[in-house]
Amino acid sequence: MKKYSEEIIRYAAVTAEGKPCEVLERITYERLVGEDGSLSEPVVINRRYDLKTGELLVRLGEQEFADDETGAKIRLRA
């Protein structure tokens, strides 16, 4: 049997217009559950980025993202 969990990491960011926003990094882990109930080490099976409002983001670089639909740029704050 498999068990899934999700970790959410929040990053302060700013849009191209200078408005503050928040980028969410959602990491999905998968673990195998043994017959004795033990869990294997977690394996990352999915990593995605989106805004708090739900718009999906594409990672362009270490500090830069773009809205998947509009292409609007977003940069992480230092």
PDB file of N, CA and C in Angstrom:
ATOM      1  N   MET A   1       0.845  -1.174   0.000  1.00  0.00           N
ATOM      2  CA  MET A   1       0.000   0.000   0.000  1.00  0.00           C
ATOM      3  C   MET A   1       0.893   1.240   0.000  1.00  0.00           C
ATOM      4  N   LYS A   2       0.391   2.309  -0.565  1.00  0.00           N
ATOM      5  CA  LYS A   2       1.132   3.558  -0.639  1.00  0.00           C
ATOM      6  C   LYS A   2       0.444   4.623   0.203  1.00  0.00           C
ATOM      7  N   LYS A   3       1.249   5.504   0.757  1.00  0.00           N
ATOM      8  CA  LYS A   3       0.736   6.621   1.550  1.00  0.00           C
ATOM      9  C   LYS A   3       1.317   7.902   0.962  1.00  0.00           C
ATOM     10  N   TYR A   4       0.473   8.914   0.816  1.00  0.00           N
ATOM     11  CA  TYR A   4       0.890  10.184   0.220  1.00  0.00           C
ATOM     12  C   TYR A   4       0.757  11.305   1.238  1.00  0.00           C
ATOM     13  N   SER A   5       1.666  12.267   1.149  1.00  0.00           N
ATOM     14  CA  SER A   5       1.581  13.454   1.991  1.00  0.00           C
ATOM     15  C   SER A   5       2.050  14.650   1.168  1.00  0.00           C
ATOM     16  N   GLU A   6       1.667  15.837   1.620  1.00  0.00           N
ATOM     17  CA  GLU A   6       2.034  17.050   0.894  1.00  0.00           C
ATOM     18  C   GLU A   6       2.631  18.054   1.860  1.00  0.00           C
ATOM     19  N   GLU A   7       3.692  18.677   1.431  1.00  0.00           N
ATOM     20  CA  GLU A   7       4.340  19.740   2.189  1.00  0.00           C
ATOM     21  C   GLU A   7       4.156  21.028   1.403  1.00  0.00           C
ATOM     22  N   ILE A   8       3.829  22.107   2.102  1.00  0.00           N
ATOM     23  CA  ILE A   8       3.661  23.410   1.448  1.00  0.00           C
ATOM     24  C   ILE A   8       4.673  24.376   2.040  1.00  0.00           C
ATOM     25  N   ILE A   9       5.487  24.967   1.160  1.00  0.00           N
ATOM     26  CA  ILE A   9       6.464  25.963   1.568  1.00  0.00           C
ATOM     27  C   ILE A   9       6.031  27.294   0.957  1.00  0.00           C
ATOM     28  N   ARG A  10       6.005  28.331   1.770  1.00  0.00           N
ATOM     29  CA  ARG A  10       5.543  29.652   1.325  1.00  0.00           C
ATOM     30  C   ARG A  10       6.737  30.588   1.137  1.00  0.00           C
ATOM     31  N   TYR A  11       6.707  31.351   0.040  1.00  0.00           N
ATOM     32  CA  TYR A  11       7.761  32.317  -0.261  1.00  0.00           C
ATOM     33  C   TYR A  11       7.136  33.681  -0.510  1.00  0.00           C
ATOM     34  N   ALA A  12       7.705  34.703   0.113  1.00  0.00           N
ATOM     35  CA  ALA A  12       7.276  36.082  -0.165  1.00  0.00           C
ATOM     36  C   ALA A  12       7.799  36.457  -1.544  1.00  0.00           C
ATOM     37  N   ALA A  13       6.957  37.107  -2.336  1.00  0.00           N
ATOM     38  CA  ALA A  13       7.327  37.470  -3.709  1.00  0.00           C
ATOM     39  C   ALA A  13       6.706  38.808  -4.068  1.00  0.00           C
ATOM     40  N   VAL A  14       7.063  39.288  -5.254  1.00  0.00           N
ATOM     41  CA  VAL A  14       6.524  40.554  -5.750  1.00  0.00           C
ATOM     42  C   VAL A  14       6.263  40.398  -7.245  1.00  0.00           C
ATOM     43  N   THR A  15       5.142  40.963  -7.701  1.00  0.00           N
ATOM     44  CA  THR A  15       4.793  40.902  -9.123  1.00  0.00           C
ATOM     45  C   THR A  15       5.609  41.932  -9.900  1.00  0.00           C
ATOM     46  N   ALA A  16       5.510  41.897 -11.221  1.00  0.00           N
ATOM     47  CA  ALA A  16       6.222  42.855 -12.071  1.00  0.00           C
ATOM     48  C   ALA A  16       5.750  44.284 -11.800  1.00  0.00           C
ATOM     49  N   GLU A  17       4.514  44.435 -11.326  1.00  0.00           N
ATOM     50  CA  GLU A  17       3.971  45.763 -11.007  1.00  0.00           C
ATOM     51  C   GLU A  17       4.382  46.231  -9.617  1.00  0.00           C
ATOM     52  N   GLY A  18       5.108  45.401  -8.875  1.00  0.00           N
ATOM     53  CA  GLY A  18       5.556  45.779  -7.537  1.00  0.00           C
ATOM     54  C   GLY A  18       4.611  45.390  -6.418  1.00  0.00           C
ATOM     55  N   LYS A  19       3.554  44.648  -6.729  1.00  0.00           N
ATOM     56  CA  LYS A  19       2.592  44.238  -5.707  1.00  0.00           C
ATOM     57  C   LYS A  19       3.102  42.997  -4.978  1.00  0.00           C
ATOM     58  N   PRO A  20       2.994  42.978  -3.644  1.00  0.00           N
ATOM     59  CA  PRO A  20       3.430  41.796  -2.908  1.00  0.00           C
ATOM     60  C   PRO A  20       2.479  40.622  -3.137  1.00  0.00           C
ATOM     61  N   CYS A  21       3.018  39.413  -3.151  1.00  0.00           N
ATOM     62  CA  CYS A  21       2.208  38.209  -3.289  1.00  0.00           C
ATOM     63  C   CYS A  21       2.942  37.066  -2.594  1.00  0.00           C
ATOM     64  N   GLU A  22       2.373  35.897  -2.651  1.00  0.00           N
ATOM     65  CA  GLU A  22       2.965  34.745  -1.996  1.00  0.00           C
ATOM     66  C   GLU A  22       2.985  33.567  -2.962  1.00  0.00           C
ATOM     67  N   VAL A  23       4.160  32.965  -3.151  1.00  0.00           N
ATOM     68  CA  VAL A  23       4.312  31.789  -3.995  1.00  0.00           C
ATOM     69  C   VAL A  23       4.296  30.566  -3.093  1.00  0.00           C
ATOM     70  N   LEU A  24       3.495  29.569  -3.463  1.00  0.00           N
ATOM     71  CA  LEU A  24       3.424  28.325  -2.711  1.00  0.00           C
ATOM     72  C   LEU A  24       4.118  27.221  -3.493  1.00  0.00           C
ATOM     73  N   GLU A  25       5.024  26.526  -2.840  1.00  0.00           N
ATOM     74  CA  GLU A  25       5.667  25.353  -3.426  1.00  0.00           C
ATOM     75  C   GLU A  25       5.006  24.140  -2.777  1.00  0.00           C
ATOM     76  N   ARG A  26       4.341  23.327  -3.586  1.00  0.00           N
ATOM     77  CA  ARG A  26       3.644  22.140  -3.082  1.00  0.00           C
ATOM     78  C   ARG A  26       4.439  20.905  -3.493  1.00  0.00           C
ATOM     79  N   ILE A  27       4.886  20.160  -2.488  1.00  0.00           N
ATOM     80  CA  ILE A  27       5.697  18.975  -2.735  1.00  0.00           C
ATOM     81  C   ILE A  27       4.898  17.756  -2.274  1.00  0.00           C
ATOM     82  N   THR A  28       4.656  16.813  -3.188  1.00  0.00           N
ATOM     83  CA  THR A  28       3.930  15.594  -2.862  1.00  0.00           C
ATOM     84  C   THR A  28       4.923  14.452  -2.694  1.00  0.00           C
ATOM     85  N   TYR A  29       4.817  13.757  -1.555  1.00  0.00           N
ATOM     86  CA  TYR A  29       5.683  12.627  -1.238  1.00  0.00           C
ATOM     87  C   TYR A  29       4.884  11.332  -1.284  1.00  0.00           C
ATOM     88  N   GLU A  30       5.577  10.263  -1.646  1.00  0.00           N
ATOM     89  CA  GLU A  30       4.979   8.932  -1.640  1.00  0.00           C
ATOM     90  C   GLU A  30       5.839   8.038  -0.749  1.00  0.00           C
ATOM     91  N   ARG A  31       5.172   7.237   0.094  1.00  0.00           N
ATOM     92  CA  ARG A  31       5.862   6.269   0.935  1.00  0.00           C
ATOM     93  C   ARG A  31       5.161   4.930   0.800  1.00  0.00           C
ATOM     94  N   LEU A  32       5.928   3.876   0.874  1.00  0.00           N
ATOM     95  CA  LEU A  32       5.348   2.533   0.870  1.00  0.00           C
ATOM     96  C   LEU A  32       5.136   2.091   2.313  1.00  0.00           C
ATOM     97  N   VAL A  33       3.973   1.499   2.573  1.00  0.00           N
ATOM     98  CA  VAL A  33       3.658   0.987   3.900  1.00  0.00           C
ATOM     99  C   VAL A  33       3.916  -0.511   3.885  1.00  0.00           C
ATOM    100  N   GLY A  34       4.828  -0.951   4.766  1.00  0.00           N
ATOM    101  CA  GLY A  34       5.143  -2.369   4.854  1.00  0.00           C
ATOM    102  C   GLY A  34       4.036  -3.143   5.547  1.00  0.00           C
ATOM    103  N   GLU A  35       4.100  -4.462   5.460  1.00  0.00           N
ATOM    104  CA  GLU A  35       3.084  -5.311   6.104  1.00  0.00           C
ATOM    105  C   GLU A  35       3.072  -5.122   7.612  1.00  0.00           C
ATOM    106  N   ASP A  36       4.224  -4.747   8.172  1.00  0.00           N
ATOM    107  CA  ASP A  36       4.304  -4.522   9.621  1.00  0.00           C
ATOM    108  C   ASP A  36       3.925  -3.096  10.006  1.00  0.00           C
ATOM    109  N   GLY A  37       3.518  -2.293   9.029  1.00  0.00           N
ATOM    110  CA  GLY A  37       3.105  -0.915   9.287  1.00  0.00           C
ATOM    111  C   GLY A  37       4.235   0.095   9.176  1.00  0.00           C
ATOM    112  N   SER A  38       5.438  -0.371   8.899  1.00  0.00           N
ATOM    113  CA  SER A  38       6.565   0.549   8.775  1.00  0.00           C
ATOM    114  C   SER A  38       6.467   1.327   7.464  1.00  0.00           C
ATOM    115  N   LEU A  39       7.048   2.516   7.456  1.00  0.00           N
ATOM    116  CA  LEU A  39       7.016   3.382   6.280  1.00  0.00           C
ATOM    117  C   LEU A  39       8.407   3.477   5.655  1.00  0.00           C
ATOM    118  N   SER A  40       8.459   3.457   4.328  1.00  0.00           N
ATOM    119  CA  SER A  40       9.725   3.638   3.620  1.00  0.00           C
ATOM    120  C   SER A  40      10.102   5.119   3.658  1.00  0.00           C
ATOM    121  N   GLU A  41      11.287   5.416   3.195  1.00  0.00           N
ATOM    122  CA  GLU A  41      11.718   6.810   3.079  1.00  0.00           C
ATOM    123  C   GLU A  41      10.830   7.515   2.049  1.00  0.00           C
ATOM    124  N   PRO A  42      10.491   8.785   2.294  1.00  0.00           N
ATOM    125  CA  PRO A  42       9.635   9.499   1.329  1.00  0.00           C
ATOM    126  C   PRO A  42      10.362   9.780   0.022  1.00  0.00           C
ATOM    127  N   VAL A  43       9.615   9.697  -1.077  1.00  0.00           N
ATOM    128  CA  VAL A  43      10.124   9.985  -2.410  1.00  0.00           C
ATOM    129  C   VAL A  43       9.269  11.112  -2.993  1.00  0.00           C
ATOM    130  N   VAL A  44       9.922  12.143  -3.526  1.00  0.00           N
ATOM    131  CA  VAL A  44       9.193  13.248  -4.155  1.00  0.00           C
ATOM    132  C   VAL A  44       8.630  12.758  -5.480  1.00  0.00           C
ATOM    133  N   ILE A  45       7.293  12.846  -5.632  1.00  0.00           N
ATOM    134  CA  ILE A  45       6.679  12.420  -6.890  1.00  0.00           C
ATOM    135  C   ILE A  45       6.090  13.583  -7.675  1.00  0.00           C
ATOM    136  N   ASN A  46       5.935  14.739  -7.011  1.00  0.00           N
ATOM    137  CA  ASN A  46       5.393  15.904  -7.712  1.00  0.00           C
ATOM    138  C   ASN A  46       5.824  17.164  -6.984  1.00  0.00           C
ATOM    139  N   ARG A  47       6.175  18.180  -7.752  1.00  0.00           N
ATOM    140  CA  ARG A  47       6.534  19.483  -7.197  1.00  0.00           C
ATOM    141  C   ARG A  47       5.913  20.519  -8.120  1.00  0.00           C
ATOM    142  N   ARG A  48       5.095  21.405  -7.546  1.00  0.00           N
ATOM    143  CA  ARG A  48       4.489  22.441  -8.375  1.00  0.00           C
ATOM    144  C   ARG A  48       4.466  23.746  -7.606  1.00  0.00           C
ATOM    145  N   TYR A  49       4.311  24.822  -8.339  1.00  0.00           N
ATOM    146  CA  TYR A  49       4.297  26.162  -7.771  1.00  0.00           C
ATOM    147  C   TYR A  49       3.002  26.837  -8.182  1.00  0.00           C
ATOM    148  N   ASP A  50       2.409  27.577  -7.245  1.00  0.00           N
ATOM    149  CA  ASP A  50       1.230  28.367  -7.581  1.00  0.00           C
ATOM    150  C   ASP A  50       1.133  29.558  -6.651  1.00  0.00           C
ATOM    151  N   LEU A  51       0.223  30.453  -6.986  1.00  0.00           N
ATOM    152  CA  LEU A  51      -0.049  31.602  -6.129  1.00  0.00           C
ATOM    153  C   LEU A  51      -1.088  31.203  -5.099  1.00  0.00           C
ATOM    154  N   LYS A  52      -1.175  31.972  -4.044  1.00  0.00           N
ATOM    155  CA  LYS A  52      -2.159  31.723  -2.994  1.00  0.00           C
ATOM    156  C   LYS A  52      -3.578  31.732  -3.570  1.00  0.00           C
ATOM    157  N   THR A  53      -3.773  32.458  -4.658  1.00  0.00           N
ATOM    158  CA  THR A  53      -5.089  32.551  -5.298  1.00  0.00           C
ATOM    159  C   THR A  53      -5.375  31.397  -6.248  1.00  0.00           C
ATOM    160  N   GLY A  54      -4.389  30.489  -6.456  1.00  0.00           N
ATOM    161  CA  GLY A  54      -4.632  29.293  -7.248  1.00  0.00           C
ATOM    162  C   GLY A  54      -4.020  29.252  -8.640  1.00  0.00           C
ATOM    163  N   GLU A  55      -3.500  30.374  -9.147  1.00  0.00           N
ATOM    164  CA  GLU A  55      -2.915  30.381 -10.485  1.00  0.00           C
ATOM    165  C   GLU A  55      -1.619  29.571 -10.495  1.00  0.00           C
ATOM    166  N   LEU A  56      -1.485  28.672 -11.462  1.00  0.00           N
ATOM    167  CA  LEU A  56      -0.268  27.873 -11.594  1.00  0.00           C
ATOM    168  C   LEU A  56       0.882  28.728 -12.095  1.00  0.00           C
ATOM    169  N   LEU A  57       2.084  28.424 -11.615  1.00  0.00           N
ATOM    170  CA  LEU A  57       3.280  29.149 -12.018  1.00  0.00           C
ATOM    171  C   LEU A  57       4.271  28.202 -12.668  1.00  0.00           C
ATOM    172  N   VAL A  58       5.091  28.766 -13.534  1.00  0.00           N
ATOM    173  CA  VAL A  58       6.190  28.041 -14.174  1.00  0.00           C
ATOM    174  C   VAL A  58       7.472  28.641 -13.625  1.00  0.00           C
ATOM    175  N   ARG A  59       8.374  27.783 -13.157  1.00  0.00           N
ATOM    176  CA  ARG A  59       9.643  28.290 -12.629  1.00  0.00           C
ATOM    177  C   ARG A  59      10.583  28.601 -13.782  1.00  0.00           C
ATOM    178  N   LEU A  60      11.065  29.857 -13.825  1.00  0.00           N
ATOM    179  CA  LEU A  60      11.962  30.296 -14.894  1.00  0.00           C
ATOM    180  C   LEU A  60      13.420  30.266 -14.454  1.00  0.00           C
ATOM    181  N   GLY A  61      13.644  30.412 -13.187  1.00  0.00           N
ATOM    182  CA  GLY A  61      15.007  30.444 -12.652  1.00  0.00           C
ATOM    183  C   GLY A  61      14.965  30.313 -11.149  1.00  0.00           C
ATOM    184  N   GLU A  62      16.091  30.555 -10.510  1.00  0.00           N
ATOM    185  CA  GLU A  62      16.191  30.404  -9.059  1.00  0.00           C
ATOM    186  C   GLU A  62      15.219  31.318  -8.309  1.00  0.00           C
ATOM    187  N   GLN A  63      15.052  32.546  -8.774  1.00  0.00           N
ATOM    188  CA  GLN A  63      14.221  33.533  -8.093  1.00  0.00           C
ATOM    189  C   GLN A  63      13.034  34.023  -8.916  1.00  0.00           C
ATOM    190  N   GLU A  64      12.838  33.485 -10.131  1.00  0.00           N
ATOM    191  CA  GLU A  64      11.821  34.041 -11.030  1.00  0.00           C
ATOM    192  C   GLU A  64      10.815  32.991 -11.486  1.00  0.00           C
ATOM    193  N   PHE A  65       9.542  33.417 -11.519  1.00  0.00           N
ATOM    194  CA  PHE A  65       8.436  32.577 -11.962  1.00  0.00           C
ATOM    195  C   PHE A  65       7.611  33.357 -12.974  1.00  0.00           C
ATOM    196  N   ALA A  66       6.737  32.636 -13.695  1.00  0.00           N
ATOM    197  CA  ALA A  66       5.797  33.280 -14.616  1.00  0.00           C
ATOM    198  C   ALA A  66       4.442  32.608 -14.457  1.00  0.00           C
ATOM    199  N   ASP A  67       3.379  33.392 -14.544  1.00  0.00           N
ATOM    200  CA  ASP A  67       2.026  32.855 -14.510  1.00  0.00           C
ATOM    201  C   ASP A  67       1.845  31.957 -15.728  1.00  0.00           C
ATOM    202  N   ASP A  68       1.323  30.761 -15.520  1.00  0.00           N
ATOM    203  CA  ASP A  68       1.177  29.776 -16.592  1.00  0.00           C
ATOM    204  C   ASP A  68       0.265  30.261 -17.713  1.00  0.00           C
ATOM    205  N   GLU A  69      -0.765  31.040 -17.398  1.00  0.00           N
ATOM    206  CA  GLU A  69      -1.715  31.492 -18.417  1.00  0.00           C
ATOM    207  C   GLU A  69      -1.336  32.834 -19.039  1.00  0.00           C
ATOM    208  N   THR A  70      -0.979  33.802 -18.201  1.00  0.00           N
ATOM    209  CA  THR A  70      -0.735  35.164 -18.706  1.00  0.00           C
ATOM    210  C   THR A  70       0.719  35.459 -19.014  1.00  0.00           C
ATOM    211  N   GLY A  71       1.636  34.691 -18.417  1.00  0.00           N
ATOM    212  CA  GLY A  71       3.064  34.949 -18.611  1.00  0.00           C
ATOM    213  C   GLY A  71       3.602  36.062 -17.730  1.00  0.00           C
ATOM    214  N   ALA A  72       2.770  36.618 -16.840  1.00  0.00           N
ATOM    215  CA  ALA A  72       3.212  37.693 -15.950  1.00  0.00           C
ATOM    216  C   ALA A  72       4.347  37.201 -15.053  1.00  0.00           C
ATOM    217  N   LYS A  73       5.377  38.026 -14.911  1.00  0.00           N
ATOM    218  CA  LYS A  73       6.569  37.657 -14.141  1.00  0.00           C
ATOM    219  C   LYS A  73       6.374  37.928 -12.648  1.00  0.00           C
ATOM    220  N   ILE A  74       6.958  37.044 -11.844  1.00  0.00           N
ATOM    221  CA  ILE A  74       6.938  37.169 -10.385  1.00  0.00           C
ATOM    222  C   ILE A  74       8.331  36.828  -9.881  1.00  0.00           C
ATOM    223  N   ARG A  75       8.853  37.650  -8.970  1.00  0.00           N
ATOM    224  CA  ARG A  75      10.175  37.412  -8.403  1.00  0.00           C
ATOM    225  C   ARG A  75      10.070  37.211  -6.902  1.00  0.00           C
ATOM    226  N   LEU A  76      10.876  36.267  -6.388  1.00  0.00           N
ATOM    227  CA  LEU A  76      10.939  36.058  -4.942  1.00  0.00           C
ATOM    228  C   LEU A  76      11.674  37.222  -4.294  1.00  0.00           C
ATOM    229  N   ARG A  77      11.262  37.548  -3.087  1.00  0.00           N
ATOM    230  CA  ARG A  77      11.978  38.587  -2.333  1.00  0.00           C
ATOM    231  C   ARG A  77      13.220  37.965  -1.737  1.00  0.00           C
ATOM    232  N   ALA A  78      14.267  38.757  -1.643  1.00  0.00           N
ATOM    233  CA  ALA A  78      15.553  38.259  -1.094  1.00  0.00           C
ATOM    234  C   ALA A  78      15.477  38.041   0.391  1.00  0.00           C
TER     235      ALA A  78
END
